[in-house]
Amino acid sequence: MSGITYAFGIVTAVLLLVAIIELMRKGTLRERHAVWWFIGGLLAVIIAVFPQTLTWASKILGIAVPTNLVFFVSIGLLFLVSLQYGAELTRLESRVRDLSEQSAFLARRIHVLETASDDSSPSLDGETGTDEQRE
């Protein structure tokens, strides 16, 4: 591996990790969602700084081409991120449904109370009820 390729890999991995940390710092990416991205960034930095670890890990796992290990780990991390987002989406959909039902019940209750209030308010001539009831 040439020095330029080595330096490019390190710079890219560090920039990736800095971007993840910056997104977490700004609040754009919450910590619970950033865990897998942060792990991927750390793995990228480790592999960029010590490229022989990729060859070593692929030999231990019996993978002939070290690049295939990178793809496998990347797909695994993306699967975990997707699974986490799917679980979060399911939880949020349930929460939105509960809040919508609660909002509908409260809107109905307000309507009933307003109607009852309008029906019992006194009119100018001392009668109770709405104009339709007086006719």
Protein backbone atom coordinates (compact mmCIF):
# COMPACT_ATOMS: atom_id res chain seq x y z
CA MET A 1 0.00 0.00 0.00
CA SER A 2 1.38 3.38 -0.97
CA GLY A 3 1.83 6.19 1.52
CA ILE A 4 -0.80 8.32 -0.20
CA THR A 5 -3.39 5.53 -0.02
CA TYR A 6 -2.52 4.91 3.63
CA ALA A 7 -2.84 8.61 4.51
CA PHE A 8 -6.08 8.94 2.51
CA GLY A 9 -7.61 6.01 4.41
CA ILE A 10 -6.66 7.48 7.79
CA VAL A 11 -7.92 10.97 6.91
CA THR A 12 -11.20 9.60 5.54
CA ALA A 13 -11.80 7.40 8.60
CA VAL A 14 -11.02 10.24 11.02
CA LEU A 15 -13.29 12.65 9.10
CA LEU A 16 -16.07 10.08 9.27
CA LEU A 17 -15.66 9.74 13.01
CA VAL A 18 -15.51 13.52 13.47
CA ALA A 19 -18.69 13.92 11.40
CA ILE A 20 -20.52 11.39 13.59
CA ILE A 21 -19.33 13.10 16.77
CA GLU A 22 -20.28 16.54 15.40
CA LEU A 23 -23.79 15.33 14.49
CA MET A 24 -24.19 13.98 18.01
CA ARG A 25 -22.86 17.23 19.52
CA LYS A 26 -25.32 19.36 17.51
CA GLY A 27 -28.20 17.08 18.47
CA THR A 28 -28.89 16.10 14.86
CA LEU A 29 -28.04 12.48 15.65
CA ARG A 30 -29.08 11.19 19.05
CA GLU A 31 -26.72 8.96 21.02
CA ARG A 32 -28.93 5.91 20.92
CA HIS A 33 -29.05 6.11 17.11
CA ALA A 34 -25.35 6.87 16.78
CA VAL A 35 -24.02 3.79 18.55
CA TRP A 36 -23.71 1.60 15.45
CA TRP A 37 -22.41 4.50 13.33
CA PHE A 38 -19.81 5.26 15.99
CA ILE A 39 -18.73 1.60 16.13
CA GLY A 40 -18.40 1.59 12.34
CA GLY A 41 -16.34 4.80 12.49
CA LEU A 42 -14.04 3.33 15.13
CA LEU A 43 -13.58 0.17 13.06
CA ALA A 44 -12.77 2.32 10.04
CA VAL A 45 -10.11 4.23 12.01
CA ILE A 46 -8.58 1.02 13.38
CA ILE A 47 -8.43 -0.57 9.92
CA ALA A 48 -7.07 2.65 8.38
CA VAL A 49 -4.30 2.97 10.99
CA PHE A 50 -3.53 -0.76 11.19
CA PRO A 51 -4.45 -2.28 7.81
CA GLN A 52 -2.81 -5.58 8.74
CA THR A 53 -5.61 -6.17 11.28
CA LEU A 54 -8.01 -6.64 8.37
CA THR A 55 -5.78 -9.33 6.85
CA TRP A 56 -5.33 -10.93 10.27
CA ALA A 57 -9.09 -10.96 11.01
CA SER A 58 -9.95 -12.33 7.56
CA LYS A 59 -7.45 -15.21 8.01
CA ILE A 60 -8.89 -16.04 11.44
CA LEU A 61 -12.43 -16.06 10.05
CA GLY A 62 -11.40 -18.02 6.96
CA ILE A 63 -12.28 -15.29 4.48
CA ALA A 64 -10.02 -15.42 1.43
CA VAL A 65 -10.27 -11.76 0.39
CA PRO A 66 -9.96 -9.18 3.21
CA THR A 67 -12.15 -6.73 1.30
CA ASN A 68 -15.02 -9.23 1.57
CA LEU A 69 -14.74 -8.94 5.35
CA VAL A 70 -15.12 -5.17 5.05
CA PHE A 71 -18.28 -5.63 2.98
CA PHE A 72 -19.64 -8.25 5.36
CA VAL A 73 -19.06 -6.08 8.45
CA SER A 74 -20.50 -3.04 6.66
CA ILE A 75 -23.64 -4.93 5.68
CA GLY A 76 -23.94 -6.24 9.24
CA LEU A 77 -23.69 -2.73 10.70
CA LEU A 78 -26.22 -1.38 8.21
CA PHE A 79 -28.56 -4.24 9.10
CA LEU A 80 -28.28 -3.38 12.80
CA VAL A 81 -28.92 0.32 12.09
CA SER A 82 -31.94 -0.60 9.97
CA LEU A 83 -33.26 -2.93 12.66
CA GLN A 84 -32.86 -0.23 15.29
CA TYR A 85 -34.68 2.33 13.13
CA GLY A 86 -37.45 -0.17 12.39
CA ALA A 87 -37.99 -0.80 16.10
CA GLU A 88 -38.00 2.96 16.77
CA LEU A 89 -40.47 3.55 13.93
CA THR A 90 -42.81 0.89 15.29
CA ARG A 91 -42.66 2.44 18.76
CA LEU A 92 -43.33 5.92 17.37
CA GLU A 93 -46.25 4.73 15.21
CA SER A 94 -47.85 3.20 18.28
CA ARG A 95 -47.30 6.41 20.24
CA VAL A 96 -48.79 8.54 17.43
CA ARG A 97 -51.85 6.26 17.29
CA ASP A 98 -52.32 6.54 21.07
CA LEU A 99 -51.95 10.32 20.96
CA SER A 100 -54.38 10.59 18.03
CA GLU A 101 -56.98 8.57 19.91
CA GLN A 102 -56.47 10.65 23.04
CA SER A 103 -56.75 13.86 21.01
CA ALA A 104 -59.98 12.66 19.39
CA PHE A 105 -61.46 11.77 22.79
CA LEU A 106 -60.50 15.18 24.20
CA ALA A 107 -61.89 17.01 21.14
CA ARG A 108 -65.17 15.10 21.51
CA ARG A 109 -65.28 15.89 25.23
CA ILE A 110 -64.70 19.60 24.55
CA HIS A 111 -67.44 19.56 21.92
CA VAL A 112 -69.88 17.89 24.32
CA LEU A 113 -69.02 20.34 27.11
CA GLU A 114 -69.35 23.34 24.80
CA THR A 115 -72.69 22.06 23.54
CA ALA A 116 -73.90 21.51 27.10
CA SER A 117 -72.66 24.96 28.06
CA ASP A 118 -74.45 26.58 25.10
CA ASP A 119 -77.67 24.72 25.93
CA SER A 120 -77.71 25.89 29.54
CA SER A 121 -76.68 29.53 28.98
CA PRO A 122 -79.51 32.01 29.67
CA SER A 123 -80.90 34.05 26.81
CA LEU A 124 -81.85 37.74 26.91
CA ASP A 125 -85.47 37.06 27.83
CA GLY A 126 -84.56 34.69 30.67
CA GLU A 127 -85.13 31.46 28.79
CA THR A 128 -82.53 28.74 28.62
CA GLY A 129 -81.50 26.93 25.48
CA THR A 130 -80.44 27.79 21.97
CA ASP A 131 -82.30 29.80 19.38
CA GLU A 132 -83.46 26.62 17.64
CA GLN A 133 -85.01 25.31 20.84
CA ARG A 134 -86.94 28.55 21.37
CA GLU A 135 -88.58 28.48 17.94
